[in-house]
Amino acid sequence: MNTIFGIKNCDTMKRAFKWLDENGINYKFHDYRKDGIDEKMVQQFVDQLGIDLVLNKRGTTWRKISEEIKLKLDEESLIKLMCENEAMIKRPIFDLEGYFSVGFSRQDQEKLGGKLLK
């Protein structure tokens, strides 16, 4: 089953839902705020995509953290921080039966289309 992870009221998520629905793609939605998130899940994202693709450094939650603290964060502490602050995880993350992808730019849509629209 295809799964999309994120936060329901995010604009990028809304675009992804619309695209999936318009293309007749079946998926399950996992809302971090409603369904929860844990270190094992975030670690899986990081293992598949890399910490730099999973960590949302453009959001206000990340920008509120002092530079002094940011310099001390390693991968393990970043994963814990993302579990405590789900807005720090880039959205959407797709699990397409084991193929992971993050983001929903035009380029991302083309890659997803190649994987999903056969």
PDB file of N, CA and C in Angstrom:
ATOM      1  N   MET A   1       0.851  -1.188   0.000  1.00  0.00           N
ATOM      2  CA  MET A   1       0.000   0.000   0.000  1.00  0.00           C
ATOM      3  C   MET A   1       0.887   1.238   0.000  1.00  0.00           C
ATOM      4  N   ASN A   2       0.543   2.188  -0.817  1.00  0.00           N
ATOM      5  CA  ASN A   2       1.232   3.468  -0.844  1.00  0.00           C
ATOM      6  C   ASN A   2       0.816   4.290   0.361  1.00  0.00           C
ATOM      7  N   THR A   3       1.794   4.891   1.034  1.00  0.00           N
ATOM      8  CA  THR A   3       1.509   5.707   2.205  1.00  0.00           C
ATOM      9  C   THR A   3       2.131   7.076   2.016  1.00  0.00           C
ATOM     10  N   ILE A   4       1.388   8.098   2.402  1.00  0.00           N
ATOM     11  CA  ILE A   4       1.889   9.461   2.390  1.00  0.00           C
ATOM     12  C   ILE A   4       1.883   9.947   3.844  1.00  0.00           C
ATOM     13  N   PHE A   5       3.010  10.493   4.279  1.00  0.00           N
ATOM     14  CA  PHE A   5       3.183  10.957   5.649  1.00  0.00           C
ATOM     15  C   PHE A   5       3.257  12.470   5.670  1.00  0.00           C
ATOM     16  N   GLY A   6       2.642  13.081   6.678  1.00  0.00           N
ATOM     17  CA  GLY A   6       2.730  14.526   6.805  1.00  0.00           C
ATOM     18  C   GLY A   6       1.711  15.070   7.782  1.00  0.00           C
ATOM     19  N   ILE A   7       1.404  16.341   7.586  1.00  0.00           N
ATOM     20  CA  ILE A   7       0.444  17.072   8.415  1.00  0.00           C
ATOM     21  C   ILE A   7      -0.682  17.521   7.496  1.00  0.00           C
ATOM     22  N   LYS A   8      -1.903  17.193   7.859  1.00  0.00           N
ATOM     23  CA  LYS A   8      -3.054  17.364   6.966  1.00  0.00           C
ATOM     24  C   LYS A   8      -3.232  18.782   6.429  1.00  0.00           C
ATOM     25  N   ASN A   9      -3.062  19.800   7.261  1.00  0.00           N
ATOM     26  CA  ASN A   9      -3.378  21.159   6.811  1.00  0.00           C
ATOM     27  C   ASN A   9      -2.219  21.881   6.129  1.00  0.00           C
ATOM     28  N   CYS A  10      -1.165  21.186   5.801  1.00  0.00           N
ATOM     29  CA  CYS A  10      -0.032  21.752   5.075  1.00  0.00           C
ATOM     30  C   CYS A  10      -0.414  21.942   3.597  1.00  0.00           C
ATOM     31  N   ASP A  11      -0.099  23.096   3.010  1.00  0.00           N
ATOM     32  CA  ASP A  11      -0.453  23.378   1.610  1.00  0.00           C
ATOM     33  C   ASP A  11       0.177  22.378   0.639  1.00  0.00           C
ATOM     34  N   THR A  12       1.421  21.998   0.890  1.00  0.00           N
ATOM     35  CA  THR A  12       2.078  21.031   0.007  1.00  0.00           C
ATOM     36  C   THR A  12       1.376  19.685   0.085  1.00  0.00           C
ATOM     37  N   MET A  13       0.945  19.317   1.280  1.00  0.00           N
ATOM     38  CA  MET A  13       0.207  18.067   1.440  1.00  0.00           C
ATOM     39  C   MET A  13      -1.104  18.121   0.663  1.00  0.00           C
ATOM     40  N   LYS A  14      -1.789  19.242   0.727  1.00  0.00           N
ATOM     41  CA  LYS A  14      -3.058  19.389   0.003  1.00  0.00           C
ATOM     42  C   LYS A  14      -2.857  19.214  -1.498  1.00  0.00           C
ATOM     43  N   ARG A  15      -1.756  19.781  -2.027  1.00  0.00           N
ATOM     44  CA  ARG A  15      -1.453  19.614  -3.459  1.00  0.00           C
ATOM     45  C   ARG A  15      -1.176  18.142  -3.781  1.00  0.00           C
ATOM     46  N   ALA A  16      -0.455  17.475  -2.883  1.00  0.00           N
ATOM     47  CA  ALA A  16      -0.145  16.058  -3.106  1.00  0.00           C
ATOM     48  C   ALA A  16      -1.413  15.213  -3.077  1.00  0.00           C
ATOM     49  N   PHE A  17      -2.299  15.461  -2.107  1.00  0.00           N
ATOM     50  CA  PHE A  17      -3.574  14.717  -2.049  1.00  0.00           C
ATOM     51  C   PHE A  17      -4.353  14.910  -3.348  1.00  0.00           C
ATOM     52  N   LYS A  18      -4.433  16.151  -3.799  1.00  0.00           N
ATOM     53  CA  LYS A  18      -5.185  16.455  -5.011  1.00  0.00           C
ATOM     54  C   LYS A  18      -4.588  15.711  -6.210  1.00  0.00           C
ATOM     55  N   TRP A  19      -3.273  15.732  -6.346  1.00  0.00           N
ATOM     56  CA  TRP A  19      -2.603  15.064  -7.452  1.00  0.00           C
ATOM     57  C   TRP A  19      -2.846  13.556  -7.403  1.00  0.00           C
ATOM     58  N   LEU A  20      -2.705  12.965  -6.224  1.00  0.00           N
ATOM     59  CA  LEU A  20      -2.948  11.529  -6.083  1.00  0.00           C
ATOM     60  C   LEU A  20      -4.387  11.173  -6.455  1.00  0.00           C
ATOM     61  N   ASP A  21      -5.344  11.969  -5.957  1.00  0.00           N
ATOM     62  CA  ASP A  21      -6.758  11.714  -6.245  1.00  0.00           C
ATOM     63  C   ASP A  21      -7.068  11.878  -7.734  1.00  0.00           C
ATOM     64  N   GLU A  22      -6.532  12.938  -8.337  1.00  0.00           N
ATOM     65  CA  GLU A  22      -6.782  13.185  -9.764  1.00  0.00           C
ATOM     66  C   GLU A  22      -6.206  12.086 -10.644  1.00  0.00           C
ATOM     67  N   ASN A  23      -5.144  11.449 -10.180  1.00  0.00           N
ATOM     68  CA  ASN A  23      -4.505  10.391 -10.953  1.00  0.00           C
ATOM     69  C   ASN A  23      -4.982   8.994 -10.554  1.00  0.00           C
ATOM     70  N   GLY A  24      -5.994   8.944  -9.687  1.00  0.00           N
ATOM     71  CA  GLY A  24      -6.580   7.667  -9.305  1.00  0.00           C
ATOM     72  C   GLY A  24      -5.634   6.741  -8.544  1.00  0.00           C
ATOM     73  N   ILE A  25      -4.738   7.335  -7.773  1.00  0.00           N
ATOM     74  CA  ILE A  25      -3.746   6.551  -7.034  1.00  0.00           C
ATOM     75  C   ILE A  25      -4.264   6.290  -5.622  1.00  0.00           C
ATOM     76  N   ASN A  26      -4.334   5.036  -5.256  1.00  0.00           N
ATOM     77  CA  ASN A  26      -4.757   4.659  -3.907  1.00  0.00           C
ATOM     78  C   ASN A  26      -3.607   4.893  -2.934  1.00  0.00           C
ATOM     79  N   TYR A  27      -3.947   5.416  -1.770  1.00  0.00           N
ATOM     80  CA  TYR A  27      -2.923   5.672  -0.757  1.00  0.00           C
ATOM     81  C   TYR A  27      -3.565   5.716   0.618  1.00  0.00           C
ATOM     82  N   LYS A  28      -2.729   5.527   1.598  1.00  0.00           N
ATOM     83  CA  LYS A  28      -3.120   5.685   2.996  1.00  0.00           C
ATOM     84  C   LYS A  28      -2.385   6.921   3.500  1.00  0.00           C
ATOM     85  N   PHE A  29      -3.066   7.761   4.259  1.00  0.00           N
ATOM     86  CA  PHE A  29      -2.451   8.975   4.806  1.00  0.00           C
ATOM     87  C   PHE A  29      -2.128   8.759   6.280  1.00  0.00           C
ATOM     88  N   HIS A  30      -0.895   9.040   6.645  1.00  0.00           N
ATOM     89  CA  HIS A  30      -0.470   8.983   8.048  1.00  0.00           C
ATOM     90  C   HIS A  30      -0.201  10.412   8.508  1.00  0.00           C
ATOM     91  N   ASP A  31      -1.082  10.923   9.348  1.00  0.00           N
ATOM     92  CA  ASP A  31      -0.966  12.283   9.881  1.00  0.00           C
ATOM     93  C   ASP A  31      -0.146  12.231  11.174  1.00  0.00           C
ATOM     94  N   TYR A  32       1.005  12.884  11.160  1.00  0.00           N
ATOM     95  CA  TYR A  32       1.879  12.865  12.337  1.00  0.00           C
ATOM     96  C   TYR A  32       1.155  13.331  13.592  1.00  0.00           C
ATOM     97  N   ARG A  33       0.317  14.318  13.460  1.00  0.00           N
ATOM     98  CA  ARG A  33      -0.348  14.889  14.635  1.00  0.00           C
ATOM     99  C   ARG A  33      -1.481  13.994  15.142  1.00  0.00           C
ATOM    100  N   LYS A  34      -2.165  13.333  14.244  1.00  0.00           N
ATOM    101  CA  LYS A  34      -3.291  12.481  14.641  1.00  0.00           C
ATOM    102  C   LYS A  34      -2.835  11.051  14.925  1.00  0.00           C
ATOM    103  N   ASP A  35      -2.001  10.511  14.034  1.00  0.00           N
ATOM    104  CA  ASP A  35      -1.601   9.108  14.125  1.00  0.00           C
ATOM    105  C   ASP A  35      -0.294   8.902  14.893  1.00  0.00           C
ATOM    106  N   GLY A  36       0.436   9.989  15.125  1.00  0.00           N
ATOM    107  CA  GLY A  36       1.671   9.905  15.880  1.00  0.00           C
ATOM    108  C   GLY A  36       2.894   9.626  15.026  1.00  0.00           C
ATOM    109  N   ILE A  37       4.041   9.751  15.663  1.00  0.00           N
ATOM    110  CA  ILE A  37       5.324   9.483  15.019  1.00  0.00           C
ATOM    111  C   ILE A  37       6.289   9.054  16.110  1.00  0.00           C
ATOM    112  N   ASP A  38       7.208   8.178  15.758  1.00  0.00           N
ATOM    113  CA  ASP A  38       8.190   7.739  16.748  1.00  0.00           C
ATOM    114  C   ASP A  38       9.574   7.690  16.115  1.00  0.00           C
ATOM    115  N   GLU A  39      10.567   7.443  16.966  1.00  0.00           N
ATOM    116  CA  GLU A  39      11.953   7.450  16.497  1.00  0.00           C
ATOM    117  C   GLU A  39      12.203   6.383  15.439  1.00  0.00           C
ATOM    118  N   LYS A  40      11.568   5.238  15.573  1.00  0.00           N
ATOM    119  CA  LYS A  40      11.751   4.167  14.584  1.00  0.00           C
ATOM    120  C   LYS A  40      11.295   4.625  13.194  1.00  0.00           C
ATOM    121  N   MET A  41      10.159   5.311  13.135  1.00  0.00           N
ATOM    122  CA  MET A  41       9.631   5.790  11.859  1.00  0.00           C
ATOM    123  C   MET A  41      10.560   6.840  11.254  1.00  0.00           C
ATOM    124  N   VAL A  42      10.976   7.804  12.072  1.00  0.00           N
ATOM    125  CA  VAL A  42      11.857   8.859  11.566  1.00  0.00           C
ATOM    126  C   VAL A  42      13.201   8.263  11.156  1.00  0.00           C
ATOM    127  N   GLN A  43      13.701   7.304  11.925  1.00  0.00           N
ATOM    128  CA  GLN A  43      14.968   6.652  11.563  1.00  0.00           C
ATOM    129  C   GLN A  43      14.854   5.968  10.211  1.00  0.00           C
ATOM    130  N   GLN A  44      13.690   5.356   9.947  1.00  0.00           N
ATOM    131  CA  GLN A  44      13.478   4.721   8.644  1.00  0.00           C
ATOM    132  C   GLN A  44      13.529   5.764   7.528  1.00  0.00           C
ATOM    133  N   PHE A  45      12.893   6.905   7.741  1.00  0.00           N
ATOM    134  CA  PHE A  45      12.953   7.984   6.746  1.00  0.00           C
ATOM    135  C   PHE A  45      14.398   8.405   6.506  1.00  0.00           C
ATOM    136  N   VAL A  46      15.139   8.604   7.588  1.00  0.00           N
ATOM    137  CA  VAL A  46      16.536   9.047   7.489  1.00  0.00           C
ATOM    138  C   VAL A  46      17.382   7.983   6.796  1.00  0.00           C
ATOM    139  N   ASP A  47      17.174   6.717   7.131  1.00  0.00           N
ATOM    140  CA  ASP A  47      17.926   5.639   6.489  1.00  0.00           C
ATOM    141  C   ASP A  47      17.680   5.608   4.990  1.00  0.00           C
ATOM    142  N   GLN A  48      16.441   5.862   4.573  1.00  0.00           N
ATOM    143  CA  GLN A  48      16.082   5.802   3.157  1.00  0.00           C
ATOM    144  C   GLN A  48      16.455   7.068   2.382  1.00  0.00           C
ATOM    145  N   LEU A  49      16.333   8.229   3.044  1.00  0.00           N
ATOM    146  CA  LEU A  49      16.453   9.506   2.333  1.00  0.00           C
ATOM    147  C   LEU A  49      17.643  10.362   2.758  1.00  0.00           C
ATOM    148  N   GLY A  50      18.158  10.147   3.948  1.00  0.00           N
ATOM    149  CA  GLY A  50      19.232  10.989   4.483  1.00  0.00           C
ATOM    150  C   GLY A  50      18.665  12.098   5.355  1.00  0.00           C
ATOM    151  N   ILE A  51      19.410  12.444   6.379  1.00  0.00           N
ATOM    152  CA  ILE A  51      18.959  13.450   7.346  1.00  0.00           C
ATOM    153  C   ILE A  51      18.690  14.799   6.684  1.00  0.00           C
ATOM    154  N   ASP A  52      19.501  15.173   5.698  1.00  0.00           N
ATOM    155  CA  ASP A  52      19.338  16.481   5.059  1.00  0.00           C
ATOM    156  C   ASP A  52      18.036  16.600   4.279  1.00  0.00           C
ATOM    157  N   LEU A  53      17.535  15.485   3.755  1.00  0.00           N
ATOM    158  CA  LEU A  53      16.262  15.530   3.034  1.00  0.00           C
ATOM    159  C   LEU A  53      15.064  15.442   3.968  1.00  0.00           C
ATOM    160  N   VAL A  54      15.240  14.842   5.128  1.00  0.00           N
ATOM    161  CA  VAL A  54      14.128  14.668   6.056  1.00  0.00           C
ATOM    162  C   VAL A  54      13.925  15.895   6.941  1.00  0.00           C
ATOM    163  N   LEU A  55      15.004  16.511   7.380  1.00  0.00           N
ATOM    164  CA  LEU A  55      14.936  17.657   8.299  1.00  0.00           C
ATOM    165  C   LEU A  55      14.530  18.933   7.561  1.00  0.00           C
ATOM    166  N   ASN A  56      13.450  19.542   8.017  1.00  0.00           N
ATOM    167  CA  ASN A  56      12.946  20.784   7.430  1.00  0.00           C
ATOM    168  C   ASN A  56      13.623  21.978   8.113  1.00  0.00           C
ATOM    169  N   LYS A  57      14.648  22.515   7.474  1.00  0.00           N
ATOM    170  CA  LYS A  57      15.379  23.657   8.039  1.00  0.00           C
ATOM    171  C   LYS A  57      14.780  24.993   7.616  1.00  0.00           C
ATOM    172  N   ARG A  58      13.760  24.963   6.793  1.00  0.00           N
ATOM    173  CA  ARG A  58      13.148  26.212   6.322  1.00  0.00           C
ATOM    174  C   ARG A  58      11.980  26.657   7.197  1.00  0.00           C
ATOM    175  N   GLY A  59      11.489  25.772   8.042  1.00  0.00           N
ATOM    176  CA  GLY A  59      10.330  26.078   8.870  1.00  0.00           C
ATOM    177  C   GLY A  59      10.676  26.908  10.094  1.00  0.00           C
ATOM    178  N   THR A  60       9.648  27.486  10.674  1.00  0.00           N
ATOM    179  CA  THR A  60       9.853  28.355  11.844  1.00  0.00           C
ATOM    180  C   THR A  60      10.325  27.571  13.065  1.00  0.00           C
ATOM    181  N   THR A  61       9.922  26.320  13.188  1.00  0.00           N
ATOM    182  CA  THR A  61      10.333  25.531  14.349  1.00  0.00           C
ATOM    183  C   THR A  61      11.848  25.392  14.381  1.00  0.00           C
ATOM    184  N   TRP A  62      12.459  25.082  13.251  1.00  0.00           N
ATOM    185  CA  TRP A  62      13.919  24.960  13.170  1.00  0.00           C
ATOM    186  C   TRP A  62      14.588  26.313  13.384  1.00  0.00           C
ATOM    187  N   ARG A  63      14.043  27.347  12.799  1.00  0.00           N
ATOM    188  CA  ARG A  63      14.670  28.677  12.895  1.00  0.00           C
ATOM    189  C   ARG A  63      14.640  29.228  14.318  1.00  0.00           C
ATOM    190  N   LYS A  64      13.722  28.748  15.153  1.00  0.00           N
ATOM    191  CA  LYS A  64      13.641  29.210  16.538  1.00  0.00           C
ATOM    192  C   LYS A  64      14.735  28.615  17.425  1.00  0.00           C
ATOM    193  N   ILE A  65      15.377  27.560  16.972  1.00  0.00           N
ATOM    194  CA  ILE A  65      16.432  26.916  17.756  1.00  0.00           C
ATOM    195  C   ILE A  65      17.713  27.735  17.615  1.00  0.00           C
ATOM    196  N   SER A  66      18.377  27.982  18.732  1.00  0.00           N
ATOM    197  CA  SER A  66      19.591  28.801  18.705  1.00  0.00           C
ATOM    198  C   SER A  66      20.703  28.092  17.931  1.00  0.00           C
ATOM    199  N   GLU A  67      21.581  28.877  17.344  1.00  0.00           N
ATOM    200  CA  GLU A  67      22.721  28.335  16.591  1.00  0.00           C
ATOM    201  C   GLU A  67      23.612  27.496  17.503  1.00  0.00           C
ATOM    202  N   GLU A  68      23.728  27.901  18.739  1.00  0.00           N
ATOM    203  CA  GLU A  68      24.553  27.169  19.703  1.00  0.00           C
ATOM    204  C   GLU A  68      24.033  25.732  19.874  1.00  0.00           C
ATOM    205  N   ILE A  69      22.736  25.591  19.993  1.00  0.00           N
ATOM    206  CA  ILE A  69      22.135  24.261  20.138  1.00  0.00           C
ATOM    207  C   ILE A  69      22.251  23.476  18.835  1.00  0.00           C
ATOM    208  N   LYS A  70      21.995  24.132  17.706  1.00  0.00           N
ATOM    209  CA  LYS A  70      22.062  23.451  16.409  1.00  0.00           C
ATOM    210  C   LYS A  70      23.430  22.819  16.182  1.00  0.00           C
ATOM    211  N   LEU A  71      24.492  23.506  16.603  1.00  0.00           N
ATOM    212  CA  LEU A  71      25.848  23.003  16.398  1.00  0.00           C
ATOM    213  C   LEU A  71      26.120  21.728  17.200  1.00  0.00           C
ATOM    214  N   LYS A  72      25.382  21.503  18.262  1.00  0.00           N
ATOM    215  CA  LYS A  72      25.594  20.340  19.131  1.00  0.00           C
ATOM    216  C   LYS A  72      24.758  19.128  18.725  1.00  0.00           C
ATOM    217  N   LEU A  73      23.841  19.296  17.771  1.00  0.00           N
ATOM    218  CA  LEU A  73      22.924  18.219  17.404  1.00  0.00           C
ATOM    219  C   LEU A  73      23.593  17.198  16.483  1.00  0.00           C
ATOM    220  N   ASP A  74      23.498  15.927  16.857  1.00  0.00           N
ATOM    221  CA  ASP A  74      23.930  14.848  15.985  1.00  0.00           C
ATOM    222  C   ASP A  74      22.676  14.181  15.406  1.00  0.00           C
ATOM    223  N   GLU A  75      22.865  13.150  14.597  1.00  0.00           N
ATOM    224  CA  GLU A  75      21.713  12.517  13.946  1.00  0.00           C
ATOM    225  C   GLU A  75      20.712  11.984  14.961  1.00  0.00           C
ATOM    226  N   GLU A  76      21.194  11.339  16.012  1.00  0.00           N
ATOM    227  CA  GLU A  76      20.301  10.766  17.019  1.00  0.00           C
ATOM    228  C   GLU A  76      19.464  11.844  17.708  1.00  0.00           C
ATOM    229  N   SER A  77      20.097  12.942  18.078  1.00  0.00           N
ATOM    230  CA  SER A  77      19.352  14.012  18.750  1.00  0.00           C
ATOM    231  C   SER A  77      18.428  14.737  17.780  1.00  0.00           C
ATOM    232  N   LEU A  78      18.803  14.816  16.506  1.00  0.00           N
ATOM    233  CA  LEU A  78      17.910  15.418  15.506  1.00  0.00           C
ATOM    234  C   LEU A  78      16.653  14.569  15.325  1.00  0.00           C
ATOM    235  N   ILE A  79      16.820  13.256  15.324  1.00  0.00           N
ATOM    236  CA  ILE A  79      15.668  12.362  15.181  1.00  0.00           C
ATOM    237  C   ILE A  79      14.727  12.533  16.369  1.00  0.00           C
ATOM    238  N   LYS A  80      15.259  12.607  17.569  1.00  0.00           N
ATOM    239  CA  LYS A  80      14.431  12.836  18.761  1.00  0.00           C
ATOM    240  C   LYS A  80      13.711  14.174  18.662  1.00  0.00           C
ATOM    241  N   LEU A  81      14.424  15.198  18.207  1.00  0.00           N
ATOM    242  CA  LEU A  81      13.845  16.531  18.072  1.00  0.00           C
ATOM    243  C   LEU A  81      12.708  16.536  17.049  1.00  0.00           C
ATOM    244  N   MET A  82      12.881  15.813  15.938  1.00  0.00           N
ATOM    245  CA  MET A  82      11.825  15.739  14.930  1.00  0.00           C
ATOM    246  C   MET A  82      10.596  15.005  15.470  1.00  0.00           C
ATOM    247  N   CYS A  83      10.797  14.013  16.319  1.00  0.00           N
ATOM    248  CA  CYS A  83       9.663  13.301  16.923  1.00  0.00           C
ATOM    249  C   CYS A  83       8.886  14.217  17.861  1.00  0.00           C
ATOM    250  N   GLU A  84       9.589  15.105  18.532  1.00  0.00           N
ATOM    251  CA  GLU A  84       8.948  16.048  19.456  1.00  0.00           C
ATOM    252  C   GLU A  84       8.314  17.224  18.717  1.00  0.00           C
ATOM    253  N   ASN A  85       8.800  17.514  17.510  1.00  0.00           N
ATOM    254  CA  ASN A  85       8.347  18.660  16.717  1.00  0.00           C
ATOM    255  C   ASN A  85       8.128  18.206  15.277  1.00  0.00           C
ATOM    256  N   GLU A  86       6.990  17.567  15.017  1.00  0.00           N
ATOM    257  CA  GLU A  86       6.760  16.961  13.704  1.00  0.00           C
ATOM    258  C   GLU A  86       6.804  17.957  12.546  1.00  0.00           C
ATOM    259  N   ALA A  87       6.645  19.240  12.830  1.00  0.00           N
ATOM    260  CA  ALA A  87       6.742  20.242  11.764  1.00  0.00           C
ATOM    261  C   ALA A  87       8.169  20.352  11.236  1.00  0.00           C
ATOM    262  N   MET A  88       9.127  19.764  11.942  1.00  0.00           N
ATOM    263  CA  MET A  88      10.522  19.788  11.498  1.00  0.00           C
ATOM    264  C   MET A  88      10.817  18.690  10.475  1.00  0.00           C
ATOM    265  N   ILE A  89       9.813  17.892  10.144  1.00  0.00           N
ATOM    266  CA  ILE A  89       9.980  16.848   9.134  1.00  0.00           C
ATOM    267  C   ILE A  89       9.421  17.381   7.822  1.00  0.00           C
ATOM    268  N   LYS A  90      10.231  17.318   6.764  1.00  0.00           N
ATOM    269  CA  LYS A  90       9.755  17.787   5.463  1.00  0.00           C
ATOM    270  C   LYS A  90       8.529  16.999   5.049  1.00  0.00           C
ATOM    271  N   ARG A  91       7.696  17.651   4.258  1.00  0.00           N
ATOM    272  CA  ARG A  91       6.437  17.049   3.827  1.00  0.00           C
ATOM    273  C   ARG A  91       6.246  17.264   2.327  1.00  0.00           C
ATOM    274  N   PRO A  92       5.554  16.323   1.745  1.00  0.00           N
ATOM    275  CA  PRO A  92       5.189  15.002   2.217  1.00  0.00           C
ATOM    276  C   PRO A  92       6.345  14.023   2.065  1.00  0.00           C
ATOM    277  N   ILE A  93       6.275  12.943   2.815  1.00  0.00           N
ATOM    278  CA  ILE A  93       7.150  11.798   2.598  1.00  0.00           C
ATOM    279  C   ILE A  93       6.264  10.682   2.082  1.00  0.00           C
ATOM    280  N   PHE A  94       6.706  10.067   0.993  1.00  0.00           N
ATOM    281  CA  PHE A  94       5.968   8.968   0.378  1.00  0.00           C
ATOM    282  C   PHE A  94       6.701   7.658   0.625  1.00  0.00           C
ATOM    283  N   ASP A  95       5.955   6.634   0.975  1.00  0.00           N
ATOM    284  CA  ASP A  95       6.463   5.265   0.993  1.00  0.00           C
ATOM    285  C   ASP A  95       5.645   4.526  -0.053  1.00  0.00           C
ATOM    286  N   LEU A  96       6.260   4.286  -1.187  1.00  0.00           N
ATOM    287  CA  LEU A  96       5.583   3.623  -2.296  1.00  0.00           C
ATOM    288  C   LEU A  96       6.065   2.183  -2.343  1.00  0.00           C
ATOM    289  N   GLU A  97       5.507   1.403  -1.434  1.00  0.00           N
ATOM    290  CA  GLU A  97       5.860  -0.008  -1.319  1.00  0.00           C
ATOM    291  C   GLU A  97       7.372  -0.196  -1.215  1.00  0.00           C
ATOM    292  N   GLY A  98       7.996   0.618  -0.353  1.00  0.00           N
ATOM    293  CA  GLY A  98       9.426   0.498  -0.105  1.00  0.00           C
ATOM    294  C   GLY A  98      10.292   1.522  -0.813  1.00  0.00           C
ATOM    295  N   TYR A  99       9.754   2.235  -1.792  1.00  0.00           N
ATOM    296  CA  TYR A  99      10.480   3.325  -2.449  1.00  0.00           C
ATOM    297  C   TYR A  99      10.078   4.611  -1.736  1.00  0.00           C
ATOM    298  N   PHE A 100      11.066   5.303  -1.166  1.00  0.00           N
ATOM    299  CA  PHE A 100      10.779   6.512  -0.403  1.00  0.00           C
ATOM    300  C   PHE A 100      11.123   7.751  -1.214  1.00  0.00           C
ATOM    301  N   SER A 101      10.302   8.785  -1.042  1.00  0.00           N
ATOM    302  CA  SER A 101      10.490  10.061  -1.714  1.00  0.00           C
ATOM    303  C   SER A 101       9.998  11.161  -0.774  1.00  0.00           C
ATOM    304  N   VAL A 102      10.622  12.328  -0.873  1.00  0.00           N
ATOM    305  CA  VAL A 102      10.210  13.454  -0.036  1.00  0.00           C
ATOM    306  C   VAL A 102      10.030  14.680  -0.921  1.00  0.00           C
ATOM    307  N   GLY A 103       8.996  15.455  -0.620  1.00  0.00           N
ATOM    308  CA  GLY A 103       8.736  16.693  -1.361  1.00  0.00           C
ATOM    309  C   GLY A 103       7.714  16.502  -2.444  1.00  0.00           C
ATOM    310  N   PHE A 104       7.265  17.637  -2.997  1.00  0.00           N
ATOM    311  CA  PHE A 104       6.253  17.559  -4.047  1.00  0.00           C
ATOM    312  C   PHE A 104       6.402  18.691  -5.056  1.00  0.00           C
ATOM    313  N   SER A 105       7.607  18.882  -5.554  1.00  0.00           N
ATOM    314  CA  SER A 105       7.845  19.841  -6.630  1.00  0.00           C
ATOM    315  C   SER A 105       7.403  19.217  -7.955  1.00  0.00           C
ATOM    316  N   ARG A 106       7.481  19.959  -9.027  1.00  0.00           N
ATOM    317  CA  ARG A 106       7.152  19.409 -10.358  1.00  0.00           C
ATOM    318  C   ARG A 106       8.037  18.201 -10.662  1.00  0.00           C
ATOM    319  N   GLN A 107       9.316  18.322 -10.340  1.00  0.00           N
ATOM    320  CA  GLN A 107      10.262  17.230 -10.564  1.00  0.00           C
ATOM    321  C   GLN A 107       9.862  16.007  -9.727  1.00  0.00           C
ATOM    322  N   ASP A 108       9.469  16.245  -8.479  1.00  0.00           N
ATOM    323  CA  ASP A 108       9.020  15.142  -7.619  1.00  0.00           C
ATOM    324  C   ASP A 108       7.784  14.478  -8.212  1.00  0.00           C
ATOM    325  N   GLN A 109       6.863  15.272  -8.740  1.00  0.00           N
ATOM    326  CA  GLN A 109       5.646  14.731  -9.340  1.00  0.00           C
ATOM    327  C   GLN A 109       5.992  13.829 -10.519  1.00  0.00           C
ATOM    328  N   GLU A 110       6.964  14.241 -11.331  1.00  0.00           N
ATOM    329  CA  GLU A 110       7.362  13.427 -12.481  1.00  0.00           C
ATOM    330  C   GLU A 110       7.945  12.098 -12.031  1.00  0.00           C
ATOM    331  N   LYS A 111       8.804  12.133 -10.989  1.00  0.00           N
ATOM    332  CA  LYS A 111       9.380  10.886 -10.474  1.00  0.00           C
ATOM    333  C   LYS A 111       8.293   9.984  -9.909  1.00  0.00           C
ATOM    334  N   LEU A 112       7.376  10.577  -9.138  1.00  0.00           N
ATOM    335  CA  LEU A 112       6.284   9.793  -8.558  1.00  0.00           C
ATOM    336  C   LEU A 112       5.396   9.229  -9.647  1.00  0.00           C
ATOM    337  N   GLY A 113       5.119  10.041 -10.648  1.00  0.00           N
ATOM    338  CA  GLY A 113       4.295   9.583 -11.753  1.00  0.00           C
ATOM    339  C   GLY A 113       4.891   8.371 -12.438  1.00  0.00           C
ATOM    340  N   GLY A 114       6.201   8.393 -12.599  1.00  0.00           N
ATOM    341  CA  GLY A 114       6.893   7.248 -13.211  1.00  0.00           C
ATOM    342  C   GLY A 114       6.788   5.992 -12.371  1.00  0.00           C
ATOM    343  N   LYS A 115       6.744   6.152 -11.062  1.00  0.00           N
ATOM    344  CA  LYS A 115       6.650   5.002 -10.151  1.00  0.00           C
ATOM    345  C   LYS A 115       5.196   4.528  -9.996  1.00  0.00           C
ATOM    346  N   LEU A 116       4.248   5.450 -10.037  1.00  0.00           N
ATOM    347  CA  LEU A 116       2.859   5.113  -9.700  1.00  0.00           C
ATOM    348  C   LEU A 116       1.938   4.945 -10.895  1.00  0.00           C
ATOM    349  N   LEU A 117       2.197   5.678 -11.964  1.00  0.00           N
ATOM    350  CA  LEU A 117       1.293   5.674 -13.116  1.00  0.00           C
ATOM    351  C   LEU A 117       1.845   4.745 -14.190  1.00  0.00           C
ATOM    352  N   LYS A 118       1.456   3.519 -14.140  1.00  0.00           N
ATOM    353  CA  LYS A 118       1.985   2.538 -15.090  1.00  0.00           C
ATOM    354  C   LYS A 118       0.918   2.074 -16.049  1.00  0.00           C
TER     355      LYS A 118
END
